[in-house]
Amino acid sequence: MASLFSTFPLLRRAAPRISKEFFTCQAARHTALRPRNVQQVLESLPLQRTFRSGKPRTQTAVLGTGIAPDVASPLSSLSKTIRNVGERTSRKSFFPETSDKAVAYWLLGSAASVFGLVVFGGLTRLTESGLSITEWRPVTGSLPPMNATDWDSEFTKYRSSPEFKQLNPRMTLEEFKSIYYMEWGHRQWGRAVGLTFLLPAVYFIARRKVSAPIAVKIIGIAGLIGFQGVLGWWMVKSGLKDDLFAPGSHPRVSQYRLTAHLGTAFICYTAMLWNGLSILRERKLLADPIVAKKTFSILRSPELKIFRRSIAGLAVLVFCTAMSGGLVAGLDAGLIYNEFPQMGLGLTPPKSELFSDFYSHTADGSDIWWRNMLENPSLVQLDHRILATTTFTSVIGLWAYTKLSPTLKTMLPAACKRGMHGVVSFVWLQVILGISTLIYLVPLPLASAHQAGSLALLSSVMILGGRTWVPSRASRLVAQKLEKSISVPKRPMPTIGSGSFSRQLNVSIGGNGSGTGAANPSV
């Protein structure tokens, strides 16, 4: 027998397997202890489970043939997964998910510049300097007159305006230079706001520093800045023609155009402030999604529904009050009835004065109501008083609600409480400034501070809203980040070639862990 095996070496190597096959029960082998194939083994390993989808694989016969479809190999499944990831990466948006922090600081800086521009524009209006430049030259008007000839030319143009003929017929060249530089500085500041917004906007978008929604909003704000410049000239133009106001009356710009110019500036400022704060808040929430989820659950509670809606209504009320102040400034309505709370002999002027037929332009008087509300200085001032009083009462009432309601005292976050205190402080300051401006016949410092106070009050309300309202996009990003953190496995992934991986593969195939187990025929 030994010589036979030495003569046929292949027979010697096959003898152990032949003997095992001969003395093994094939039925029991294929039913009870049937080893798994390589596909099943690899699918049971942590490495394969990481790349495998959660859907179960089903094997169905090809229709009409009875032949089972081919089962994909582990390498083909891995390559398919990598290919799908590559396709998702190639389809990824041009913009990132979140905007860079530098974009937020730039927007807040632009908002501060617009805030200063609004205050300076109010000074230009109060000093009656807005009509000193009678032309609109967006590019060539950047430089002031450089010599005596240029100054004479500008002064000659101003002398032909209604304001010079009726109000300033004795104005000298030196006096003209003071109001000219006031208006020129206002326009230069507006150009600076446009350039410092447009150029960084192009850079941030080109360098993919902003998310897609913020990019759209930035483009909208840039267009609003350009539209604001056009509105400014449209407003100035209304004070340069005699046919836009009654003969012999005080030459002034249209109160409608002045209010439109002021309202656009408020909207532009609010958009910059809101988006800058939104970016910072979104990044802060994504830094700790677990805390963010808890905060959202509190802010979404039905108990805070009234508080959330009240802040939105308060923001609209503050904006409308500020716009009524624009009508007061356009009509110089602050120079009459300089006492508070009375207006003359009572809380309101006589009805015949409030709804005068003088302001009606139709024979049947159908426009007497709205024209008096927008053109009658007495009724315009009364409207502003009513709106201001309503705003003050609403703020104090909302503050009292947060203090007296047991639910809000326990559920309202600390940041919202601080924001509410800020709104109360600014509304008290604004009321004091408004009454003082009225009583002291609209002095320049108080009037300018009162206009700045309206914008500061609106800012405090928007900040409070940013702390109370739940941003939908930030909420979605927080949910996605939490989902990704849950789906990622916590244990480390084994590497191919390690001892544990080799032993698991050996045992799963049917070996005894020593590498000497019987071979699997299915392999």
Protein backbone atom coordinates (compact mmCIF):
# COMPACT_ATOMS: atom_id res chain seq x y z
CA MET A 1 0.00 0.00 0.00
CA ALA A 2 2.88 2.34 0.82
CA SER A 3 4.49 1.62 -2.54
CA LEU A 4 1.18 2.31 -4.25
CA PHE A 5 0.89 5.73 -2.62
CA SER A 6 4.53 6.51 -3.44
CA THR A 7 3.91 5.59 -7.04
CA PHE A 8 0.75 7.71 -7.31
CA PRO A 9 1.25 10.86 -5.20
CA LEU A 10 -2.12 12.25 -6.25
CA LEU A 11 -3.83 9.21 -4.81
CA ARG A 12 -1.99 9.78 -1.52
CA ARG A 13 -3.25 13.36 -1.29
CA ALA A 14 -6.82 12.34 -2.20
CA ALA A 15 -7.03 9.35 0.18
CA PRO A 16 -8.10 11.31 3.32
CA ARG A 17 -10.84 13.06 1.46
CA ILE A 18 -12.07 9.85 -0.24
CA SER A 19 -12.24 8.06 3.08
CA LYS A 20 -14.11 10.92 4.69
CA GLU A 21 -16.59 11.12 1.84
CA PHE A 22 -17.11 7.35 1.98
CA PHE A 23 -17.87 7.20 5.71
CA THR A 24 -19.91 10.44 6.03
CA CYS A 25 -23.73 10.57 5.99
CA GLN A 26 -24.48 12.83 3.05
CA ALA A 27 -28.12 13.52 4.09
CA ALA A 28 -27.14 14.75 7.52
CA ARG A 29 -24.26 16.73 6.08
CA HIS A 30 -26.45 18.70 3.65
CA THR A 31 -29.28 19.37 6.09
CA ALA A 32 -28.01 19.86 9.65
CA LEU A 33 -24.46 21.22 9.30
CA ARG A 34 -24.40 22.54 5.79
CA PRO A 35 -21.70 25.24 5.72
CA ARG A 36 -22.50 28.60 4.18
CA ASN A 37 -20.97 29.86 1.00
CA VAL A 38 -18.53 32.75 0.79
CA GLN A 39 -21.30 35.25 -0.09
CA GLN A 40 -23.21 34.42 3.10
CA VAL A 41 -20.03 34.54 5.18
CA LEU A 42 -18.97 37.93 3.90
CA GLU A 43 -22.45 39.31 4.40
CA SER A 44 -22.32 38.31 8.07
CA LEU A 45 -19.10 40.26 8.68
CA PRO A 46 -19.14 43.84 10.05
CA LEU A 47 -17.28 45.15 7.02
CA GLN A 48 -19.90 43.89 4.59
CA ARG A 49 -22.81 44.97 6.79
CA THR A 50 -21.47 48.50 6.75
CA PHE A 51 -21.86 48.74 2.97
CA ARG A 52 -24.99 46.60 2.69
CA SER A 53 -28.36 48.29 2.42
CA GLY A 54 -31.12 47.55 4.87
CA LYS A 55 -33.37 45.90 2.25
CA PRO A 56 -33.40 42.08 2.25
CA ARG A 57 -32.07 40.38 -0.87
CA THR A 58 -34.57 38.14 -2.55
CA GLN A 59 -33.81 35.50 -5.14
CA THR A 60 -36.54 34.80 -7.62
CA ALA A 61 -36.37 32.66 -10.69
CA VAL A 62 -36.28 34.29 -14.07
CA LEU A 63 -39.71 34.20 -15.56
CA GLY A 64 -40.18 31.24 -17.88
CA THR A 65 -36.76 29.69 -17.30
CA GLY A 66 -36.72 28.40 -13.72
CA ILE A 67 -33.14 29.63 -13.43
CA ALA A 68 -32.26 31.70 -10.38
CA PRO A 69 -30.61 35.00 -11.15
CA ASP A 70 -26.95 35.48 -10.45
CA VAL A 71 -26.15 36.68 -6.94
CA ALA A 72 -23.81 39.64 -6.92
CA SER A 73 -20.39 38.99 -5.47
CA PRO A 74 -19.07 41.00 -2.50
CA LEU A 75 -16.68 42.95 -4.71
CA SER A 76 -19.43 43.85 -7.16
CA SER A 77 -21.67 45.01 -4.30
CA LEU A 78 -18.83 47.11 -2.90
CA SER A 79 -18.09 48.65 -6.29
CA LYS A 80 -21.78 49.42 -6.79
CA THR A 81 -21.93 51.15 -3.42
CA ILE A 82 -18.85 53.24 -4.22
CA ARG A 83 -20.32 54.10 -7.62
CA ASN A 84 -23.59 55.25 -6.02
CA VAL A 85 -21.68 57.39 -3.53
CA GLY A 86 -19.72 58.91 -6.40
CA GLU A 87 -22.91 59.69 -8.28
CA ARG A 88 -24.41 61.36 -5.23
CA THR A 89 -21.23 63.38 -4.78
CA SER A 90 -21.26 64.46 -8.43
CA ARG A 91 -24.88 65.52 -8.10
CA LYS A 92 -24.08 67.53 -4.96
CA SER A 93 -25.16 71.15 -5.01
CA PHE A 94 -22.73 73.88 -6.00
CA PHE A 95 -23.41 75.56 -2.64
CA PRO A 96 -22.58 74.13 0.79
CA GLU A 97 -25.20 73.17 3.35
CA THR A 98 -24.31 76.01 5.71
CA SER A 99 -22.88 79.46 5.11
CA ASP A 100 -19.52 80.55 6.38
CA LYS A 101 -19.34 82.58 9.57
CA ALA A 102 -17.57 85.38 7.69
CA VAL A 103 -20.71 85.85 5.59
CA ALA A 104 -22.73 86.46 8.75
CA TYR A 105 -20.31 89.07 10.03
CA TRP A 106 -20.27 90.78 6.63
CA LEU A 107 -24.08 90.95 6.57
CA LEU A 108 -24.19 92.36 10.09
CA GLY A 109 -21.55 94.94 9.16
CA SER A 110 -23.58 95.92 6.10
CA ALA A 111 -26.67 96.24 8.29
CA ALA A 112 -24.79 98.56 10.63
CA SER A 113 -23.74 100.68 7.64
CA VAL A 114 -27.35 100.90 6.42
CA PHE A 115 -28.42 101.85 9.97
CA GLY A 116 -26.01 104.77 9.91
CA LEU A 117 -27.11 105.71 6.42
CA VAL A 118 -30.76 105.90 7.52
CA VAL A 119 -29.85 108.16 10.43
CA PHE A 120 -27.71 110.37 8.19
CA GLY A 121 -30.54 110.53 5.66
CA GLY A 122 -32.80 111.79 8.42
CA LEU A 123 -30.30 114.54 9.19
CA THR A 124 -30.24 115.45 5.51
CA ARG A 125 -34.01 115.77 5.58
CA LEU A 126 -34.05 117.77 8.81
CA THR A 127 -31.43 120.23 7.55
CA GLU A 128 -33.32 120.60 4.26
CA SER A 129 -30.24 119.62 2.30
CA GLY A 130 -31.81 116.96 0.11
CA LEU A 131 -32.71 119.31 -2.75
CA SER A 132 -29.28 120.94 -3.03
CA ILE A 133 -28.13 118.56 -5.79
CA THR A 134 -30.55 118.86 -8.70
CA GLU A 135 -29.11 116.09 -10.88
CA TRP A 136 -28.68 112.35 -10.53
CA ARG A 137 -25.34 111.12 -11.80
CA PRO A 138 -24.57 107.73 -10.26
CA VAL A 139 -21.00 107.57 -11.65
CA THR A 140 -19.83 111.07 -12.53
CA GLY A 141 -21.49 112.54 -9.46
CA SER A 142 -19.09 110.73 -7.17
CA LEU A 143 -16.74 113.71 -7.14
CA PRO A 144 -17.77 117.06 -5.67
CA PRO A 145 -17.08 120.37 -7.48
CA MET A 146 -13.30 120.75 -7.66
CA ASN A 147 -12.94 124.47 -8.52
CA ALA A 148 -14.81 127.77 -8.43
CA THR A 149 -16.27 127.23 -11.88
CA ASP A 150 -17.81 123.92 -10.86
CA TRP A 151 -19.26 125.46 -7.70
CA ASP A 152 -20.79 128.33 -9.67
CA SER A 153 -22.37 125.83 -12.05
CA GLU A 154 -23.92 123.81 -9.21
CA PHE A 155 -25.12 126.94 -7.43
CA THR A 156 -26.74 128.22 -10.62
CA LYS A 157 -28.70 124.97 -10.96
CA TYR A 158 -29.88 125.24 -7.36
CA ARG A 159 -30.99 128.85 -7.81
CA SER A 160 -33.43 127.67 -10.46
CA SER A 161 -35.14 125.26 -8.02
CA PRO A 162 -38.41 126.14 -6.18
CA GLU A 163 -36.72 125.73 -2.82
CA PHE A 164 -34.24 128.52 -3.49
CA LYS A 165 -36.84 130.86 -4.94
CA GLN A 166 -39.32 130.48 -2.07
CA LEU A 167 -37.19 129.64 0.96
CA ASN A 168 -33.56 130.58 0.38
CA PRO A 169 -33.43 133.55 -2.03
CA ARG A 170 -30.65 135.19 0.02
CA MET A 171 -28.45 132.09 0.39
CA THR A 172 -24.75 132.64 -0.26
CA LEU A 173 -22.32 130.29 -1.94
CA GLU A 174 -20.74 129.29 1.38
CA GLU A 175 -24.13 128.41 2.83
CA PHE A 176 -24.92 126.42 -0.28
CA LYS A 177 -21.68 124.44 0.12
CA SER A 178 -22.75 123.28 3.60
CA ILE A 179 -26.05 121.78 2.43
CA TYR A 180 -24.43 120.49 -0.78
CA TYR A 181 -21.83 118.51 1.15
CA MET A 182 -24.60 117.12 3.35
CA GLU A 183 -26.49 115.67 0.40
CA TRP A 184 -23.30 114.65 -1.39
CA GLY A 185 -22.13 112.76 1.72
CA HIS A 186 -25.49 110.96 1.90
CA ARG A 187 -25.20 109.86 -1.71
CA GLN A 188 -21.58 108.82 -1.27
CA TRP A 189 -22.53 106.71 1.71
CA GLY A 190 -25.18 105.04 -0.40
CA ARG A 191 -22.61 104.26 -3.11
CA ALA A 192 -20.27 102.86 -0.48
CA VAL A 193 -23.03 100.59 0.85
CA GLY A 194 -23.67 99.30 -2.67
CA LEU A 195 -20.01 98.59 -3.45
CA THR A 196 -19.20 97.03 -0.07
CA PHE A 197 -22.17 94.73 -0.53
CA LEU A 198 -21.90 93.85 -4.21
CA LEU A 199 -18.19 93.00 -4.39
CA PRO A 200 -18.10 90.71 -1.31
CA ALA A 201 -21.35 89.11 -2.48
CA VAL A 202 -19.71 88.10 -5.77
CA TYR A 203 -16.69 86.77 -3.90
CA PHE A 204 -18.65 84.73 -1.36
CA ILE A 205 -20.90 83.19 -4.00
CA ALA A 206 -18.00 82.39 -6.35
CA ARG A 207 -15.98 80.83 -3.53
CA ARG A 208 -18.95 78.75 -2.35
CA LYS A 209 -19.06 80.36 1.07
CA VAL A 210 -22.85 80.64 1.20
CA SER A 211 -25.69 78.15 1.07
CA ALA A 212 -28.16 78.21 -1.79
CA PRO A 213 -31.00 79.97 0.11
CA ILE A 214 -28.62 82.63 1.44
CA ALA A 215 -27.20 83.17 -2.04
CA VAL A 216 -30.68 83.89 -3.41
CA LYS A 217 -31.38 86.29 -0.54
CA ILE A 218 -28.05 88.08 -1.05
CA ILE A 219 -28.87 88.61 -4.73
CA GLY A 220 -32.28 89.96 -3.72
CA ILE A 221 -30.72 92.39 -1.23
CA ALA A 222 -28.26 93.59 -3.88
CA GLY A 223 -31.16 94.32 -6.22
CA LEU A 224 -32.97 96.09 -3.39
CA ILE A 225 -29.95 98.35 -2.83
CA GLY A 226 -29.96 99.38 -6.48
CA PHE A 227 -33.71 99.97 -6.36
CA GLN A 228 -33.20 102.11 -3.26
CA GLY A 229 -30.90 104.42 -5.19
CA VAL A 230 -33.52 104.86 -7.91
CA LEU A 231 -36.16 105.57 -5.27
CA GLY A 232 -33.92 108.19 -3.70
CA TRP A 233 -33.66 110.17 -6.92
CA TRP A 234 -37.39 109.68 -7.60
CA MET A 235 -38.03 111.23 -4.18
CA VAL A 236 -35.68 114.18 -4.74
CA LYS A 237 -37.17 114.82 -8.16
CA SER A 238 -40.59 115.38 -6.57
CA GLY A 239 -39.26 118.50 -4.81
CA LEU A 240 -37.75 120.06 -7.91
CA LYS A 241 -40.98 120.62 -9.85
CA ASP A 242 -43.70 123.13 -9.06
CA ASP A 243 -46.50 120.94 -10.41
CA LEU A 244 -46.02 118.32 -7.66
CA PHE A 245 -47.17 120.57 -4.82
CA ALA A 246 -49.71 123.36 -4.40
CA PRO A 247 -48.68 126.83 -5.64
CA GLY A 248 -47.19 128.93 -2.89
CA SER A 249 -46.81 126.02 -0.49
CA HIS A 250 -43.61 124.90 1.18
CA PRO A 251 -41.35 123.20 -1.41
CA ARG A 252 -40.77 119.66 -0.14
CA VAL A 253 -40.45 116.17 -1.47
CA SER A 254 -43.55 114.02 -1.74
CA GLN A 255 -44.41 112.34 1.56
CA TYR A 256 -45.40 109.24 -0.37
CA ARG A 257 -42.01 108.95 -2.04
CA LEU A 258 -40.21 109.81 1.18
CA THR A 259 -42.04 107.02 3.00
CA ALA A 260 -41.33 104.58 0.17
CA HIS A 261 -37.64 105.49 0.33
CA LEU A 262 -37.61 105.06 4.11
CA GLY A 263 -39.53 101.79 3.99
CA THR A 264 -37.16 100.29 1.44
CA ALA A 265 -34.21 101.23 3.65
CA PHE A 266 -35.90 99.56 6.63
CA ILE A 267 -36.56 96.40 4.62
CA CYS A 268 -32.98 96.32 3.33
CA TYR A 269 -31.58 96.75 6.84
CA THR A 270 -33.91 94.13 8.32
CA ALA A 271 -32.99 91.60 5.61
CA MET A 272 -29.27 92.03 6.28
CA LEU A 273 -29.73 91.81 10.04
CA TRP A 274 -32.05 88.80 9.89
CA ASN A 275 -29.93 86.73 7.52
CA GLY A 276 -26.71 87.50 9.37
CA LEU A 277 -28.21 86.40 12.67
CA SER A 278 -29.80 83.36 11.02
CA ILE A 279 -26.43 82.10 9.79
CA LEU A 280 -24.87 82.43 13.25
CA ARG A 281 -27.84 80.74 14.89
CA GLU A 282 -27.87 77.91 12.35
CA ARG A 283 -24.20 77.17 12.91
CA LYS A 284 -24.67 77.25 16.67
CA LEU A 285 -27.58 74.81 16.47
CA LEU A 286 -25.70 72.40 14.21
CA ALA A 287 -22.73 72.43 16.58
CA ASP A 288 -24.87 70.65 19.21
CA PRO A 289 -27.85 69.00 17.46
CA ILE A 290 -29.07 67.24 20.60
CA VAL A 291 -29.52 70.51 22.49
CA ALA A 292 -30.98 72.08 19.33
CA LYS A 293 -33.61 69.36 19.10
CA LYS A 294 -34.63 69.94 22.70
CA THR A 295 -34.84 73.70 22.09
CA PHE A 296 -37.01 73.18 19.00
CA SER A 297 -39.34 70.88 20.91
CA ILE A 298 -39.85 73.59 23.53
CA LEU A 299 -40.35 76.41 21.03
CA ARG A 300 -42.84 74.32 19.00
CA SER A 301 -45.01 73.60 22.02
CA PRO A 302 -48.63 74.80 21.73
CA GLU A 303 -48.24 76.76 24.95
CA LEU A 304 -45.90 79.21 23.17
CA LYS A 305 -48.08 79.60 20.08
CA ILE A 306 -49.64 82.88 21.23
CA PHE A 307 -46.25 84.30 22.15
CA ARG A 308 -44.76 83.41 18.76
CA ARG A 309 -47.61 84.96 16.83
CA SER A 310 -47.60 88.04 19.03
CA ILE A 311 -43.98 88.76 18.13
CA ALA A 312 -44.81 88.59 14.43
CA GLY A 313 -47.71 90.99 14.90
CA LEU A 314 -45.51 93.27 16.98
CA ALA A 315 -42.90 93.45 14.21
CA VAL A 316 -45.56 94.50 11.70
CA LEU A 317 -46.91 97.09 14.15
CA VAL A 318 -43.48 98.63 14.75
CA PHE A 319 -42.83 98.83 11.01
CA CYS A 320 -46.17 100.52 10.33
CA THR A 321 -45.56 103.01 13.14
CA ALA A 322 -42.18 103.90 11.65
CA MET A 323 -43.74 104.40 8.22
CA SER A 324 -46.36 106.72 9.72
CA GLY A 325 -43.42 108.65 11.15
CA GLY A 326 -42.15 109.01 7.59
CA LEU A 327 -45.44 110.66 6.64
CA VAL A 328 -45.10 112.99 9.66
CA ALA A 329 -41.61 113.98 8.52
CA GLY A 330 -42.69 114.47 4.92
CA LEU A 331 -45.54 116.80 5.92
CA ASP A 332 -43.66 118.54 8.77
CA ALA A 333 -46.57 117.45 10.95
CA GLY A 334 -44.38 117.43 14.04
CA LEU A 335 -44.39 121.24 14.08
CA ILE A 336 -48.04 121.42 15.07
CA TYR A 337 -49.81 120.42 18.31
CA ASN A 338 -46.60 120.37 20.31
CA GLU A 339 -48.09 118.96 23.49
CA PHE A 340 -48.86 115.48 24.77
CA PRO A 341 -51.23 113.75 25.29
CA GLN A 342 -53.60 116.52 24.26
CA MET A 343 -53.92 118.03 20.80
CA GLY A 344 -55.28 121.49 21.32
CA LEU A 345 -58.30 121.54 23.62
CA GLY A 346 -58.79 117.79 23.73
CA LEU A 347 -57.21 114.45 23.01
CA THR A 348 -57.99 114.92 19.30
CA PRO A 349 -58.57 117.96 17.07
CA PRO A 350 -62.11 118.71 15.85
CA LYS A 351 -63.59 116.32 13.33
CA SER A 352 -63.95 119.10 10.76
CA GLU A 353 -60.19 119.60 10.91
CA LEU A 354 -59.33 115.92 10.76
CA PHE A 355 -61.53 115.23 7.71
CA SER A 356 -61.38 118.48 5.80
CA ASP A 357 -62.82 118.88 2.31
CA PHE A 358 -59.69 120.85 1.39
CA TYR A 359 -57.73 117.65 0.76
CA SER A 360 -60.40 115.97 -1.38
CA HIS A 361 -59.75 115.89 -5.13
CA THR A 362 -63.15 114.57 -6.22
CA ALA A 363 -66.50 116.34 -6.46
CA ASP A 364 -68.36 113.70 -4.46
CA GLY A 365 -65.71 113.61 -1.72
CA SER A 366 -65.14 109.88 -2.03
CA ASP A 367 -61.43 110.26 -1.32
CA ILE A 368 -61.81 112.45 1.74
CA TRP A 369 -60.99 109.63 4.17
CA TRP A 370 -57.77 108.26 2.77
CA ARG A 371 -56.43 111.60 1.52
CA ASN A 372 -56.82 113.19 4.95
CA MET A 373 -55.13 110.16 6.54
CA LEU A 374 -52.13 110.56 4.22
CA GLU A 375 -52.04 114.30 3.44
CA ASN A 376 -53.65 116.15 6.35
CA PRO A 377 -50.87 116.98 8.90
CA SER A 378 -53.30 117.01 11.82
CA LEU A 379 -54.72 113.55 11.11
CA VAL A 380 -51.29 112.16 10.15
CA GLN A 381 -49.90 113.20 13.52
CA LEU A 382 -52.93 111.73 15.29
CA ASP A 383 -52.48 108.46 13.42
CA HIS A 384 -48.83 108.35 14.45
CA ARG A 385 -49.78 108.95 18.07
CA ILE A 386 -52.36 106.16 17.97
CA LEU A 387 -49.94 103.70 16.38
CA ALA A 388 -47.16 104.60 18.79
CA THR A 389 -49.46 104.22 21.79
CA THR A 390 -50.71 100.88 20.45
CA THR A 391 -47.12 99.68 19.98
CA PHE A 392 -46.15 100.69 23.49
CA THR A 393 -49.23 99.06 25.00
CA SER A 394 -48.67 95.86 23.02
CA VAL A 395 -45.07 95.56 24.14
CA ILE A 396 -45.92 96.12 27.78
CA GLY A 397 -48.83 93.69 27.53
CA LEU A 398 -46.65 90.99 25.98
CA TRP A 399 -44.00 91.53 28.65
CA ALA A 400 -46.65 91.23 31.38
CA TYR A 401 -47.90 88.03 29.74
CA THR A 402 -44.42 86.48 30.05
CA LYS A 403 -44.27 87.51 33.70
CA LEU A 404 -47.76 86.52 34.83
CA SER A 405 -48.30 83.32 32.85
CA PRO A 406 -47.03 80.31 34.87
CA THR A 407 -46.53 78.32 31.67
CA LEU A 408 -44.35 80.96 30.01
CA LYS A 409 -42.39 81.56 33.20
CA THR A 410 -41.31 77.91 33.22
CA MET A 411 -41.14 77.06 29.50
CA LEU A 412 -39.80 80.23 27.86
CA PRO A 413 -36.04 79.93 27.25
CA ALA A 414 -33.74 82.40 28.97
CA ALA A 415 -32.64 83.90 25.65
CA CYS A 416 -36.24 84.78 24.82
CA LYS A 417 -36.72 86.40 28.21
CA ARG A 418 -33.63 88.55 27.68
CA GLY A 419 -34.87 89.51 24.24
CA MET A 420 -38.23 90.54 25.68
CA HIS A 421 -36.48 92.77 28.21
CA GLY A 422 -34.55 94.40 25.37
CA VAL A 423 -37.76 95.18 23.49
CA VAL A 424 -39.28 96.74 26.61
CA SER A 425 -36.21 98.91 27.13
CA PHE A 426 -36.18 100.19 23.56
CA VAL A 427 -39.90 100.93 23.49
CA TRP A 428 -39.60 103.04 26.66
CA LEU A 429 -36.66 104.91 25.13
CA GLN A 430 -38.56 105.49 21.91
CA VAL A 431 -41.62 106.85 23.69
CA ILE A 432 -39.48 109.28 25.68
CA LEU A 433 -37.66 110.44 22.55
CA GLY A 434 -40.90 110.86 20.60
CA ILE A 435 -42.63 112.96 23.25
CA SER A 436 -39.50 115.06 23.78
CA THR A 437 -39.15 115.66 20.04
CA LEU A 438 -42.75 116.84 19.84
CA ILE A 439 -42.68 119.10 22.90
CA TYR A 440 -39.39 120.80 21.98
CA LEU A 441 -40.47 121.55 18.37
CA VAL A 442 -38.39 118.88 16.62
CA PRO A 443 -34.82 119.81 17.56
CA LEU A 444 -32.19 118.22 15.35
CA PRO A 445 -30.53 115.89 17.93
CA LEU A 446 -33.78 114.60 19.37
CA ALA A 447 -35.43 114.10 15.99
CA SER A 448 -32.44 112.18 14.69
CA ALA A 449 -32.30 110.04 17.84
CA HIS A 450 -36.04 109.35 17.52
CA GLN A 451 -35.58 108.06 13.98
CA ALA A 452 -32.66 105.89 15.08
CA GLY A 453 -34.77 104.62 17.98
CA SER A 454 -37.46 103.35 15.62
CA LEU A 455 -34.91 101.25 13.76
CA ALA A 456 -33.39 100.03 17.01
CA LEU A 457 -36.82 99.00 18.31
CA LEU A 458 -37.52 97.06 15.11
CA SER A 459 -34.12 95.38 15.45
CA SER A 460 -34.87 94.27 19.01
CA VAL A 461 -38.18 92.78 17.92
CA MET A 462 -36.50 90.88 15.07
CA ILE A 463 -33.82 89.59 17.43
CA LEU A 464 -36.53 88.38 19.80
CA GLY A 465 -38.28 86.70 16.88
CA GLY A 466 -35.06 84.99 15.84
CA ARG A 467 -34.79 83.48 19.30
CA THR A 468 -38.44 82.39 19.42
CA TRP A 469 -39.38 81.27 15.92
CA VAL A 470 -38.23 77.85 14.74
CA PRO A 471 -36.34 78.11 11.42
CA SER A 472 -37.53 75.34 9.12
CA ARG A 473 -34.22 74.90 7.31
CA ALA A 474 -32.14 74.75 10.49
CA SER A 475 -34.61 72.25 11.93
CA ARG A 476 -34.25 70.05 8.87
CA LEU A 477 -30.45 70.20 8.98
CA VAL A 478 -30.43 69.32 12.67
CA ALA A 479 -32.69 66.33 12.01
CA GLN A 480 -30.42 65.15 9.19
CA LYS A 481 -27.33 65.45 11.35
CA LEU A 482 -28.94 63.49 14.15
CA GLU A 483 -30.01 60.78 11.70
CA LYS A 484 -26.49 60.49 10.33
CA SER A 485 -24.99 60.26 13.81
CA ILE A 486 -27.40 57.43 14.69
CA SER A 487 -26.79 55.47 11.47
CA VAL A 488 -22.98 55.48 11.81
CA PRO A 489 -21.78 52.31 13.67
CA LYS A 490 -20.08 52.94 16.97
CA ARG A 491 -17.62 49.98 16.98
CA PRO A 492 -14.41 50.18 14.92
CA MET A 493 -14.38 48.45 11.58
CA PRO A 494 -12.10 45.35 11.44
CA THR A 495 -9.32 45.35 8.87
CA ILE A 496 -8.71 42.56 6.41
CA GLY A 497 -5.81 40.44 7.54
CA SER A 498 -6.40 40.87 11.27
CA GLY A 499 -6.62 37.80 13.45
CA SER A 500 -10.29 38.25 14.38
CA PHE A 501 -11.32 38.68 10.76
CA SER A 502 -9.41 35.55 9.70
CA ARG A 503 -10.79 33.45 12.54
CA GLN A 504 -14.37 34.58 11.85
CA LEU A 505 -13.99 33.78 8.16
CA ASN A 506 -12.43 30.36 8.94
CA VAL A 507 -15.10 29.32 11.44
CA SER A 508 -17.97 30.55 9.25
CA ILE A 509 -16.74 28.45 6.32
CA GLY A 510 -16.66 25.36 8.50
CA GLY A 511 -13.09 25.15 9.73
CA ASN A 512 -11.98 24.64 13.30
CA GLY A 513 -10.07 27.88 13.55
CA SER A 514 -6.66 26.27 12.96
CA GLY A 515 -6.79 26.38 9.21
CA THR A 516 -6.83 22.56 8.87
CA GLY A 517 -10.57 22.02 8.55
CA ALA A 518 -12.05 20.08 5.67
CA ALA A 519 -12.58 21.94 2.47
CA ASN A 520 -16.10 22.97 1.55
CA PRO A 521 -17.23 21.48 -1.74
CA SER A 522 -19.50 24.45 -2.40
CA VAL A 523 -16.47 26.75 -2.27
